[in-house]
């Protein structure tokens, strides 16, 4: 969310970490990942 703007979707990852979906604006640049053992989710930009 940028100042004065709506909150926008960026990326999502399913519970098993084997399926992802990205907003067109970030596709090819951002990567979402998760580590269920350590209960972490990441966004590489």
ModelCIF file with pLDDT and N, C-alpha, C, O atoms, coordinates in Angstrom:
data_MODEL
#
_entry.id   MODEL 
#
_entity.id                         1 
_entity.type                       polymer 
_entity.pdbx_number_of_molecules   1 
#
_entity_poly.entity_id                      1 
_entity_poly.type                           'polypeptide(L)' 
_entity_poly.nstd_linkage                   no 
_entity_poly.nstd_monomer                   no 
_entity_poly.pdbx_seq_one_letter_code       
;(UNK)(UNK)(UNK)(UNK)(UNK)(UNK)(UNK)(UNK)(UNK)(UNK)(UNK)(UNK)(UNK)(UNK)(UNK)(UNK)
(UNK)(UNK)(UNK)(UNK)(UNK)(UNK)(UNK)(UNK)(UNK)(UNK)(UNK)(UNK)(UNK)(UNK)(UNK)(UNK)
(UNK)(UNK)(UNK)(UNK)(UNK)(UNK)(UNK)(UNK)(UNK)(UNK)(UNK)(UNK)(UNK)
;
_entity_poly.pdbx_seq_one_letter_code_can   XXXXXXXXXXXXXXXXXXXXXXXXXXXXXXXXXXXXXXXXXXXXX 
_entity_poly.pdbx_strand_id                 A 
#
loop_
_entity_poly_seq.entity_id 
_entity_poly_seq.num 
_entity_poly_seq.mon_id 
_entity_poly_seq.hetero 
1 1  UNK n 
1 2  UNK n 
1 3  UNK n 
1 4  UNK n 
1 5  UNK n 
1 6  UNK n 
1 7  UNK n 
1 8  UNK n 
1 9  UNK n 
1 10 UNK n 
1 11 UNK n 
1 12 UNK n 
1 13 UNK n 
1 14 UNK n 
1 15 UNK n 
1 16 UNK n 
1 17 UNK n 
1 18 UNK n 
1 19 UNK n 
1 20 UNK n 
1 21 UNK n 
1 22 UNK n 
1 23 UNK n 
1 24 UNK n 
1 25 UNK n 
1 26 UNK n 
1 27 UNK n 
1 28 UNK n 
1 29 UNK n 
1 30 UNK n 
1 31 UNK n 
1 32 UNK n 
1 33 UNK n 
1 34 UNK n 
1 35 UNK n 
1 36 UNK n 
1 37 UNK n 
1 38 UNK n 
1 39 UNK n 
1 40 UNK n 
1 41 UNK n 
1 42 UNK n 
1 43 UNK n 
1 44 UNK n 
1 45 UNK n 
#
_struct_asym.id          A 
_struct_asym.entity_id   1 
#
loop_
_ma_qa_metric.id 
_ma_qa_metric.mode 
_ma_qa_metric.name 
_ma_qa_metric.software_group_id 
_ma_qa_metric.type 
1 global pLDDT . pLDDT 
2 local  pLDDT . pLDDT 
#
_ma_qa_metric_global.metric_id      1 
_ma_qa_metric_global.metric_value   97.02 
_ma_qa_metric_global.model_id       1 
_ma_qa_metric_global.ordinal_id     1 
#
loop_
_ma_qa_metric_local.label_asym_id 
_ma_qa_metric_local.label_comp_id 
_ma_qa_metric_local.label_seq_id 
_ma_qa_metric_local.metric_id 
_ma_qa_metric_local.metric_value 
_ma_qa_metric_local.model_id 
_ma_qa_metric_local.ordinal_id 
A UNK 1  2 98.00 1 1  
A UNK 2  2 96.00 1 2  
A UNK 3  2 90.00 1 3  
A UNK 4  2 92.00 1 4  
A UNK 5  2 95.00 1 5  
A UNK 6  2 96.00 1 6  
A UNK 7  2 97.00 1 7  
A UNK 8  2 97.00 1 8  
A UNK 9  2 98.00 1 9  
A UNK 10 2 98.00 1 10 
A UNK 11 2 98.00 1 11 
A UNK 12 2 98.00 1 12 
A UNK 13 2 98.00 1 13 
A UNK 14 2 97.00 1 14 
A UNK 15 2 96.00 1 15 
A UNK 16 2 96.00 1 16 
A UNK 17 2 96.00 1 17 
A UNK 18 2 96.00 1 18 
A UNK 19 2 97.00 1 19 
A UNK 20 2 98.00 1 20 
A UNK 21 2 98.00 1 21 
A UNK 22 2 98.00 1 22 
A UNK 23 2 98.00 1 23 
A UNK 24 2 98.00 1 24 
A UNK 25 2 98.00 1 25 
A UNK 26 2 98.00 1 26 
A UNK 27 2 98.00 1 27 
A UNK 28 2 98.00 1 28 
A UNK 29 2 98.00 1 29 
A UNK 30 2 98.00 1 30 
A UNK 31 2 98.00 1 31 
A UNK 32 2 98.00 1 32 
A UNK 33 2 98.00 1 33 
A UNK 34 2 98.00 1 34 
A UNK 35 2 97.00 1 35 
A UNK 36 2 95.00 1 36 
A UNK 37 2 95.00 1 37 
A UNK 38 2 96.00 1 38 
A UNK 39 2 97.00 1 39 
A UNK 40 2 97.00 1 40 
A UNK 41 2 98.00 1 41 
A UNK 42 2 98.00 1 42 
A UNK 43 2 98.00 1 43 
A UNK 44 2 98.00 1 44 
A UNK 45 2 98.00 1 45 
#
loop_
_atom_site.group_PDB 
_atom_site.id 
_atom_site.type_symbol 
_atom_site.label_atom_id 
_atom_site.label_alt_id 
_atom_site.label_comp_id 
_atom_site.label_asym_id 
_atom_site.label_entity_id 
_atom_site.label_seq_id 
_atom_site.pdbx_PDB_ins_code 
_atom_site.Cartn_x 
_atom_site.Cartn_y 
_atom_site.Cartn_z 
_atom_site.occupancy 
_atom_site.B_iso_or_equiv 
_atom_site.pdbx_formal_charge 
_atom_site.auth_seq_id 
_atom_site.auth_comp_id 
_atom_site.auth_asym_id 
_atom_site.auth_atom_id 
_atom_site.pdbx_PDB_model_num 
ATOM 1   N N  . UNK A 1 1  ? 0.834  -1.186  0.000   1.00 98.00 ? 1  UNK A N  1 
ATOM 2   C CA . UNK A 1 1  ? 0.000  0.000   0.000   1.00 98.00 ? 1  UNK A CA 1 
ATOM 3   C C  . UNK A 1 1  ? 0.876  1.246   0.000   1.00 98.00 ? 1  UNK A C  1 
ATOM 4   O O  . UNK A 1 1  ? 1.688  1.443   0.904   1.00 98.00 ? 1  UNK A O  1 
ATOM 5   N N  . UNK A 1 2  ? 0.708  2.083   -1.015  1.00 96.00 ? 2  UNK A N  1 
ATOM 6   C CA . UNK A 1 2  ? 1.389  3.360   -1.103  1.00 96.00 ? 2  UNK A CA 1 
ATOM 7   C C  . UNK A 1 2  ? 0.485  4.443   -0.513  1.00 96.00 ? 2  UNK A C  1 
ATOM 8   O O  . UNK A 1 2  ? -0.731 4.260   -0.470  1.00 96.00 ? 2  UNK A O  1 
ATOM 9   N N  . UNK A 1 3  ? 1.045  5.564   -0.058  1.00 90.00 ? 3  UNK A N  1 
ATOM 10  C CA . UNK A 1 3  ? 0.236  6.632   0.539   1.00 90.00 ? 3  UNK A CA 1 
ATOM 11  C C  . UNK A 1 3  ? -0.869 7.108   -0.393  1.00 90.00 ? 3  UNK A C  1 
ATOM 12  O O  . UNK A 1 3  ? -0.618 7.410   -1.560  1.00 90.00 ? 3  UNK A O  1 
ATOM 13  N N  . UNK A 1 4  ? -2.093 7.175   0.125   1.00 92.00 ? 4  UNK A N  1 
ATOM 14  C CA . UNK A 1 4  ? -3.225 7.646   -0.643  1.00 92.00 ? 4  UNK A CA 1 
ATOM 15  C C  . UNK A 1 4  ? -3.829 6.640   -1.596  1.00 92.00 ? 4  UNK A C  1 
ATOM 16  O O  . UNK A 1 4  ? -4.796 6.956   -2.288  1.00 92.00 ? 4  UNK A O  1 
ATOM 17  N N  . UNK A 1 5  ? -3.280 5.422   -1.652  1.00 95.00 ? 5  UNK A N  1 
ATOM 18  C CA . UNK A 1 5  ? -3.755 4.401   -2.569  1.00 95.00 ? 5  UNK A CA 1 
ATOM 19  C C  . UNK A 1 5  ? -4.321 3.206   -1.806  1.00 95.00 ? 5  UNK A C  1 
ATOM 20  O O  . UNK A 1 5  ? -4.102 3.061   -0.603  1.00 95.00 ? 5  UNK A O  1 
ATOM 21  N N  . UNK A 1 6  ? -5.050 2.355   -2.523  1.00 96.00 ? 6  UNK A N  1 
ATOM 22  C CA . UNK A 1 6  ? -5.592 1.137   -1.940  1.00 96.00 ? 6  UNK A CA 1 
ATOM 23  C C  . UNK A 1 6  ? -4.491 0.104   -1.719  1.00 96.00 ? 6  UNK A C  1 
ATOM 24  O O  . UNK A 1 6  ? -3.428 0.158   -2.338  1.00 96.00 ? 6  UNK A O  1 
ATOM 25  N N  . UNK A 1 7  ? -4.769 -0.820  -0.837  1.00 97.00 ? 7  UNK A N  1 
ATOM 26  C CA . UNK A 1 7  ? -3.865 -1.942  -0.649  1.00 97.00 ? 7  UNK A CA 1 
ATOM 27  C C  . UNK A 1 7  ? -4.015 -2.903  -1.827  1.00 97.00 ? 7  UNK A C  1 
ATOM 28  O O  . UNK A 1 7  ? -5.129 -3.289  -2.179  1.00 97.00 ? 7  UNK A O  1 
ATOM 29  N N  . UNK A 1 8  ? -2.896 -3.288  -2.432  1.00 97.00 ? 8  UNK A N  1 
ATOM 30  C CA . UNK A 1 8  ? -2.901 -4.109  -3.638  1.00 97.00 ? 8  UNK A CA 1 
ATOM 31  C C  . UNK A 1 8  ? -2.259 -5.463  -3.401  1.00 97.00 ? 8  UNK A C  1 
ATOM 32  O O  . UNK A 1 8  ? -1.352 -5.612  -2.582  1.00 97.00 ? 8  UNK A O  1 
ATOM 33  N N  . UNK A 1 9  ? -2.752 -6.439  -4.136  1.00 98.00 ? 9  UNK A N  1 
ATOM 34  C CA . UNK A 1 9  ? -2.170 -7.773  -4.131  1.00 98.00 ? 9  UNK A CA 1 
ATOM 35  C C  . UNK A 1 9  ? -0.806 -7.764  -4.810  1.00 98.00 ? 9  UNK A C  1 
ATOM 36  O O  . UNK A 1 9  ? -0.613 -7.081  -5.815  1.00 98.00 ? 9  UNK A O  1 
ATOM 37  N N  . UNK A 1 10 ? 0.137  -8.523  -4.260  1.00 98.00 ? 10 UNK A N  1 
ATOM 38  C CA . UNK A 1 10 ? 1.470  -8.649  -4.831  1.00 98.00 ? 10 UNK A CA 1 
ATOM 39  C C  . UNK A 1 10 ? 1.768  -10.093 -5.232  1.00 98.00 ? 10 UNK A C  1 
ATOM 40  O O  . UNK A 1 10 ? 2.088  -10.362 -6.390  1.00 98.00 ? 10 UNK A O  1 
ATOM 41  N N  . UNK A 1 11 ? 1.664  -11.019 -4.283  1.00 98.00 ? 11 UNK A N  1 
ATOM 42  C CA . UNK A 1 11 ? 2.014  -12.411 -4.542  1.00 98.00 ? 11 UNK A CA 1 
ATOM 43  C C  . UNK A 1 11 ? 1.359  -13.306 -3.509  1.00 98.00 ? 11 UNK A C  1 
ATOM 44  O O  . UNK A 1 11 ? 1.055  -12.862 -2.402  1.00 98.00 ? 11 UNK A O  1 
ATOM 45  N N  . UNK A 1 12 ? 1.138  -14.570 -3.864  1.00 98.00 ? 12 UNK A N  1 
ATOM 46  C CA . UNK A 1 12 ? 0.542  -15.537 -2.956  1.00 98.00 ? 12 UNK A CA 1 
ATOM 47  C C  . UNK A 1 12 ? 1.189  -16.898 -3.183  1.00 98.00 ? 12 UNK A C  1 
ATOM 48  O O  . UNK A 1 12 ? 1.623  -17.212 -4.291  1.00 98.00 ? 12 UNK A O  1 
ATOM 49  N N  . UNK A 1 13 ? 1.248  -17.699 -2.128  1.00 98.00 ? 13 UNK A N  1 
ATOM 50  C CA . UNK A 1 13 ? 1.789  -19.046 -2.204  1.00 98.00 ? 13 UNK A CA 1 
ATOM 51  C C  . UNK A 1 13 ? 0.886  -19.973 -1.408  1.00 98.00 ? 13 UNK A C  1 
ATOM 52  O O  . UNK A 1 13 ? 0.431  -19.621 -0.320  1.00 98.00 ? 13 UNK A O  1 
ATOM 53  N N  . UNK A 1 14 ? 0.624  -21.161 -1.950  1.00 97.00 ? 14 UNK A N  1 
ATOM 54  C CA . UNK A 1 14 ? -0.266 -22.091 -1.278  1.00 97.00 ? 14 UNK A CA 1 
ATOM 55  C C  . UNK A 1 14 ? 0.423  -22.751 -0.088  1.00 97.00 ? 14 UNK A C  1 
ATOM 56  O O  . UNK A 1 14 ? 1.621  -22.571 0.134   1.00 97.00 ? 14 UNK A O  1 
ATOM 57  N N  . UNK A 1 15 ? -0.355 -23.516 0.670   1.00 96.00 ? 15 UNK A N  1 
ATOM 58  C CA . UNK A 1 15 ? 0.148  -24.072 1.924   1.00 96.00 ? 15 UNK A CA 1 
ATOM 59  C C  . UNK A 1 15 ? 1.344  -24.989 1.727   1.00 96.00 ? 15 UNK A C  1 
ATOM 60  O O  . UNK A 1 15 ? 2.256  -25.003 2.553   1.00 96.00 ? 15 UNK A O  1 
ATOM 61  N N  . UNK A 1 16 ? 1.349  -25.754 0.643   1.00 96.00 ? 16 UNK A N  1 
ATOM 62  C CA . UNK A 1 16 ? 2.442  -26.667 0.378   1.00 96.00 ? 16 UNK A CA 1 
ATOM 63  C C  . UNK A 1 16 ? 3.648  -26.026 -0.285  1.00 96.00 ? 16 UNK A C  1 
ATOM 64  O O  . UNK A 1 16 ? 4.698  -26.659 -0.402  1.00 96.00 ? 16 UNK A O  1 
ATOM 65  N N  . UNK A 1 17 ? 3.515  -24.779 -0.721  1.00 96.00 ? 17 UNK A N  1 
ATOM 66  C CA . UNK A 1 17 ? 4.621  -24.083 -1.350  1.00 96.00 ? 17 UNK A CA 1 
ATOM 67  C C  . UNK A 1 17 ? 4.906  -24.497 -2.778  1.00 96.00 ? 17 UNK A C  1 
ATOM 68  O O  . UNK A 1 17 ? 5.963  -24.166 -3.315  1.00 96.00 ? 17 UNK A O  1 
ATOM 69  N N  . UNK A 1 18 ? 3.986  -25.213 -3.405  1.00 96.00 ? 18 UNK A N  1 
ATOM 70  C CA . UNK A 1 18 ? 4.198  -25.694 -4.766  1.00 96.00 ? 18 UNK A CA 1 
ATOM 71  C C  . UNK A 1 18 ? 3.343  -24.974 -5.804  1.00 96.00 ? 18 UNK A C  1 
ATOM 72  O O  . UNK A 1 18 ? 3.285  -25.397 -6.958  1.00 96.00 ? 18 UNK A O  1 
ATOM 73  N N  . UNK A 1 19 ? 2.680  -23.890 -5.403  1.00 97.00 ? 19 UNK A N  1 
ATOM 74  C CA . UNK A 1 19 ? 1.872  -23.116 -6.334  1.00 97.00 ? 19 UNK A CA 1 
ATOM 75  C C  . UNK A 1 19 ? 1.935  -21.650 -5.933  1.00 97.00 ? 19 UNK A C  1 
ATOM 76  O O  . UNK A 1 19 ? 1.725  -21.311 -4.769  1.00 97.00 ? 19 UNK A O  1 
ATOM 77  N N  . UNK A 1 20 ? 2.225  -20.781 -6.898  1.00 98.00 ? 20 UNK A N  1 
ATOM 78  C CA . UNK A 1 20 ? 2.322  -19.346 -6.644  1.00 98.00 ? 20 UNK A CA 1 
ATOM 79  C C  . UNK A 1 20 ? 1.563  -18.567 -7.701  1.00 98.00 ? 20 UNK A C  1 
ATOM 80  O O  . UNK A 1 20 ? 1.280  -19.073 -8.787  1.00 98.00 ? 20 UNK A O  1 
ATOM 81  N N  . UNK A 1 21 ? 1.236  -17.320 -7.363  1.00 98.00 ? 21 UNK A N  1 
ATOM 82  C CA . UNK A 1 21 ? 0.547  -16.430 -8.289  1.00 98.00 ? 21 UNK A CA 1 
ATOM 83  C C  . UNK A 1 21 ? 1.000  -15.016 -7.987  1.00 98.00 ? 21 UNK A C  1 
ATOM 84  O O  . UNK A 1 21 ? 1.142  -14.640 -6.823  1.00 98.00 ? 21 UNK A O  1 
ATOM 85  N N  . UNK A 1 22 ? 1.232  -14.217 -9.048  1.00 98.00 ? 22 UNK A N  1 
ATOM 86  C CA . UNK A 1 22 ? 1.780  -12.885 -8.894  1.00 98.00 ? 22 UNK A CA 1 
ATOM 87  C C  . UNK A 1 22 ? 0.943  -11.847 -9.620  1.00 98.00 ? 22 UNK A C  1 
ATOM 88  O O  . UNK A 1 22 ? 0.319  -12.136 -10.641 1.00 98.00 ? 22 UNK A O  1 
ATOM 89  N N  . UNK A 1 23 ? 0.937  -10.643 -9.084  1.00 98.00 ? 23 UNK A N  1 
ATOM 90  C CA . UNK A 1 23 ? 0.381  -9.514  -9.812  1.00 98.00 ? 23 UNK A CA 1 
ATOM 91  C C  . UNK A 1 23 ? 1.213  -9.258  -11.056 1.00 98.00 ? 23 UNK A C  1 
ATOM 92  O O  . UNK A 1 23 ? 2.429  -9.455  -11.049 1.00 98.00 ? 23 UNK A O  1 
ATOM 93  N N  . UNK A 1 24 ? 0.556  -8.819  -12.130 1.00 98.00 ? 24 UNK A N  1 
ATOM 94  C CA . UNK A 1 24 ? 1.275  -8.562  -13.377 1.00 98.00 ? 24 UNK A CA 1 
ATOM 95  C C  . UNK A 1 24 ? 2.406  -7.554  -13.192 1.00 98.00 ? 24 UNK A C  1 
ATOM 96  O O  . UNK A 1 24 ? 3.431  -7.640  -13.869 1.00 98.00 ? 24 UNK A O  1 
ATOM 97  N N  . UNK A 1 25 ? 2.226  -6.611  -12.290 1.00 98.00 ? 25 UNK A N  1 
ATOM 98  C CA . UNK A 1 25 ? 3.204  -5.556  -12.087 1.00 98.00 ? 25 UNK A CA 1 
ATOM 99  C C  . UNK A 1 25 ? 4.525  -6.055  -11.506 1.00 98.00 ? 25 UNK A C  1 
ATOM 100 O O  . UNK A 1 25 ? 5.545  -5.375  -11.623 1.00 98.00 ? 25 UNK A O  1 
ATOM 101 N N  . UNK A 1 26 ? 4.520  -7.236  -10.882 1.00 98.00 ? 26 UNK A N  1 
ATOM 102 C CA . UNK A 1 26 ? 5.729  -7.758  -10.262 1.00 98.00 ? 26 UNK A CA 1 
ATOM 103 C C  . UNK A 1 26 ? 6.179  -9.079  -10.860 1.00 98.00 ? 26 UNK A C  1 
ATOM 104 O O  . UNK A 1 26 ? 7.247  -9.579  -10.506 1.00 98.00 ? 26 UNK A O  1 
ATOM 105 N N  . UNK A 1 27 ? 5.399  -9.649  -11.749 1.00 98.00 ? 27 UNK A N  1 
ATOM 106 C CA . UNK A 1 27 ? 5.725  -10.945 -12.338 1.00 98.00 ? 27 UNK A CA 1 
ATOM 107 C C  . UNK A 1 27 ? 7.074  -10.888 -13.042 1.00 98.00 ? 27 UNK A C  1 
ATOM 108 O O  . UNK A 1 27 ? 7.343  -9.976  -13.824 1.00 98.00 ? 27 UNK A O  1 
ATOM 109 N N  . UNK A 1 28 ? 7.916  -11.872 -12.754 1.00 98.00 ? 28 UNK A N  1 
ATOM 110 C CA . UNK A 1 28 ? 9.245  -11.925 -13.330 1.00 98.00 ? 28 UNK A CA 1 
ATOM 111 C C  . UNK A 1 28 ? 10.294 -11.185 -12.529 1.00 98.00 ? 28 UNK A C  1 
ATOM 112 O O  . UNK A 1 28 ? 11.489 -11.345 -12.779 1.00 98.00 ? 28 UNK A O  1 
ATOM 113 N N  . UNK A 1 29 ? 9.865  -10.368 -11.559 1.00 98.00 ? 29 UNK A N  1 
ATOM 114 C CA . UNK A 1 29 ? 10.806 -9.610  -10.729 1.00 98.00 ? 29 UNK A CA 1 
ATOM 115 C C  . UNK A 1 29 ? 10.791 -10.064 -9.267  1.00 98.00 ? 29 UNK A C  1 
ATOM 116 O O  . UNK A 1 29 ? 11.828 -10.062 -8.603  1.00 98.00 ? 29 UNK A O  1 
ATOM 117 N N  . UNK A 1 30 ? 9.620  -10.451 -8.772  1.00 98.00 ? 30 UNK A N  1 
ATOM 118 C CA . UNK A 1 30 ? 9.464  -10.850 -7.376  1.00 98.00 ? 30 UNK A CA 1 
ATOM 119 C C  . UNK A 1 30 ? 9.275  -12.359 -7.284  1.00 98.00 ? 30 UNK A C  1 
ATOM 120 O O  . UNK A 1 30 ? 8.728  -12.980 -8.196  1.00 98.00 ? 30 UNK A O  1 
ATOM 121 N N  . UNK A 1 31 ? 9.731  -12.947 -6.179  1.00 98.00 ? 31 UNK A N  1 
ATOM 122 C CA . UNK A 1 31 ? 9.557  -14.363 -5.920  1.00 98.00 ? 31 UNK A CA 1 
ATOM 123 C C  . UNK A 1 31 ? 9.097  -14.573 -4.482  1.00 98.00 ? 31 UNK A C  1 
ATOM 124 O O  . UNK A 1 31 ? 9.752  -14.124 -3.542  1.00 98.00 ? 31 UNK A O  1 
ATOM 125 N N  . UNK A 1 32 ? 7.969  -15.254 -4.317  1.00 98.00 ? 32 UNK A N  1 
ATOM 126 C CA . UNK A 1 32 ? 7.480  -15.598 -2.994  1.00 98.00 ? 32 UNK A CA 1 
ATOM 127 C C  . UNK A 1 32 ? 7.880  -17.042 -2.682  1.00 98.00 ? 32 UNK A C  1 
ATOM 128 O O  . UNK A 1 32 ? 7.847  -17.904 -3.561  1.00 98.00 ? 32 UNK A O  1 
ATOM 129 N N  . UNK A 1 33 ? 8.253  -17.297 -1.440  1.00 98.00 ? 33 UNK A N  1 
ATOM 130 C CA . UNK A 1 33 ? 8.612  -18.636 -1.008  1.00 98.00 ? 33 UNK A CA 1 
ATOM 131 C C  . UNK A 1 33 ? 8.251  -18.803 0.461   1.00 98.00 ? 33 UNK A C  1 
ATOM 132 O O  . UNK A 1 33 ? 7.954  -17.826 1.148   1.00 98.00 ? 33 UNK A O  1 
ATOM 133 N N  . UNK A 1 34 ? 8.276  -20.046 0.942   1.00 98.00 ? 34 UNK A N  1 
ATOM 134 C CA . UNK A 1 34 ? 7.953  -20.281 2.345   1.00 98.00 ? 34 UNK A CA 1 
ATOM 135 C C  . UNK A 1 34 ? 8.763  -21.440 2.894   1.00 98.00 ? 34 UNK A C  1 
ATOM 136 O O  . UNK A 1 34 ? 9.224  -22.308 2.153   1.00 98.00 ? 34 UNK A O  1 
ATOM 137 N N  . UNK A 1 35 ? 8.926  -21.436 4.204   1.00 97.00 ? 35 UNK A N  1 
ATOM 138 C CA . UNK A 1 35 ? 9.617  -22.469 4.948   1.00 97.00 ? 35 UNK A CA 1 
ATOM 139 C C  . UNK A 1 35 ? 8.678  -22.875 6.078   1.00 97.00 ? 35 UNK A C  1 
ATOM 140 O O  . UNK A 1 35 ? 8.621  -22.216 7.117   1.00 97.00 ? 35 UNK A O  1 
ATOM 141 N N  . UNK A 1 36 ? 7.945  -23.962 5.869   1.00 95.00 ? 36 UNK A N  1 
ATOM 142 C CA . UNK A 1 36 ? 6.948  -24.366 6.848   1.00 95.00 ? 36 UNK A CA 1 
ATOM 143 C C  . UNK A 1 36 ? 7.566  -24.895 8.134   1.00 95.00 ? 36 UNK A C  1 
ATOM 144 O O  . UNK A 1 36 ? 6.963  -24.790 9.202   1.00 95.00 ? 36 UNK A O  1 
ATOM 145 N N  . UNK A 1 37 ? 8.767  -25.463 8.040   1.00 95.00 ? 37 UNK A N  1 
ATOM 146 C CA . UNK A 1 37 ? 9.439  -25.959 9.233   1.00 95.00 ? 37 UNK A CA 1 
ATOM 147 C C  . UNK A 1 37 ? 9.717  -24.823 10.207  1.00 95.00 ? 37 UNK A C  1 
ATOM 148 O O  . UNK A 1 37 ? 9.499  -24.963 11.411  1.00 95.00 ? 37 UNK A O  1 
ATOM 149 N N  . UNK A 1 38 ? 10.197 -23.701 9.688   1.00 96.00 ? 38 UNK A N  1 
ATOM 150 C CA . UNK A 1 38 ? 10.528 -22.545 10.514  1.00 96.00 ? 38 UNK A CA 1 
ATOM 151 C C  . UNK A 1 38 ? 9.435  -21.486 10.527  1.00 96.00 ? 38 UNK A C  1 
ATOM 152 O O  . UNK A 1 38 ? 9.617  -20.426 11.126  1.00 96.00 ? 38 UNK A O  1 
ATOM 153 N N  . UNK A 1 39 ? 8.319  -21.747 9.888   1.00 97.00 ? 39 UNK A N  1 
ATOM 154 C CA . UNK A 1 39 ? 7.165  -20.847 9.868   1.00 97.00 ? 39 UNK A CA 1 
ATOM 155 C C  . UNK A 1 39 ? 7.557  -19.465 9.358   1.00 97.00 ? 39 UNK A C  1 
ATOM 156 O O  . UNK A 1 39 ? 7.335  -18.454 10.024  1.00 97.00 ? 39 UNK A O  1 
ATOM 157 N N  . UNK A 1 40 ? 8.138  -19.445 8.177   1.00 97.00 ? 40 UNK A N  1 
ATOM 158 C CA . UNK A 1 40 ? 8.564  -18.202 7.539   1.00 97.00 ? 40 UNK A CA 1 
ATOM 159 C C  . UNK A 1 40 ? 8.039  -18.130 6.115   1.00 97.00 ? 40 UNK A C  1 
ATOM 160 O O  . UNK A 1 40 ? 7.899  -19.151 5.442   1.00 97.00 ? 40 UNK A O  1 
ATOM 161 N N  . UNK A 1 41 ? 7.755  -16.935 5.668   1.00 98.00 ? 41 UNK A N  1 
ATOM 162 C CA . UNK A 1 41 ? 7.448  -16.663 4.272   1.00 98.00 ? 41 UNK A CA 1 
ATOM 163 C C  . UNK A 1 41 ? 8.322  -15.501 3.823   1.00 98.00 ? 41 UNK A C  1 
ATOM 164 O O  . UNK A 1 41 ? 8.594  -14.582 4.595   1.00 98.00 ? 41 UNK A O  1 
ATOM 165 N N  . UNK A 1 42 ? 8.757  -15.550 2.570   1.00 98.00 ? 42 UNK A N  1 
ATOM 166 C CA . UNK A 1 42 ? 9.706  -14.572 2.058   1.00 98.00 ? 42 UNK A CA 1 
ATOM 167 C C  . UNK A 1 42 ? 9.201  -13.942 0.768   1.00 98.00 ? 42 UNK A C  1 
ATOM 168 O O  . UNK A 1 42 ? 8.393  -14.525 0.045   1.00 98.00 ? 42 UNK A O  1 
ATOM 169 N N  . UNK A 1 43 ? 9.689  -12.751 0.499   1.00 98.00 ? 43 UNK A N  1 
ATOM 170 C CA . UNK A 1 43 ? 9.464  -12.096 -0.775  1.00 98.00 ? 43 UNK A CA 1 
ATOM 171 C C  . UNK A 1 43 ? 10.800 -11.548 -1.261  1.00 98.00 ? 43 UNK A C  1 
ATOM 172 O O  . UNK A 1 43 ? 11.338 -10.603 -0.685  1.00 98.00 ? 43 UNK A O  1 
ATOM 173 N N  . UNK A 1 44 ? 11.328 -12.144 -2.316  1.00 98.00 ? 44 UNK A N  1 
ATOM 174 C CA . UNK A 1 44 ? 12.548 -11.667 -2.941  1.00 98.00 ? 44 UNK A CA 1 
ATOM 175 C C  . UNK A 1 44 ? 12.159 -10.692 -4.046  1.00 98.00 ? 44 UNK A C  1 
ATOM 176 O O  . UNK A 1 44 ? 11.425 -11.053 -4.966  1.00 98.00 ? 44 UNK A O  1 
ATOM 177 N N  . UNK A 1 45 ? 12.647 -9.467  -3.958  1.00 98.00 ? 45 UNK A N  1 
ATOM 178 C CA . UNK A 1 45 ? 12.302 -8.413  -4.896  1.00 98.00 ? 45 UNK A CA 1 
ATOM 179 C C  . UNK A 1 45 ? 13.548 -8.013  -5.674  1.00 98.00 ? 45 UNK A C  1 
ATOM 180 O O  . UNK A 1 45 ? 13.485 -7.129  -6.529  1.00 98.00 ? 45 UNK A O  1 
#
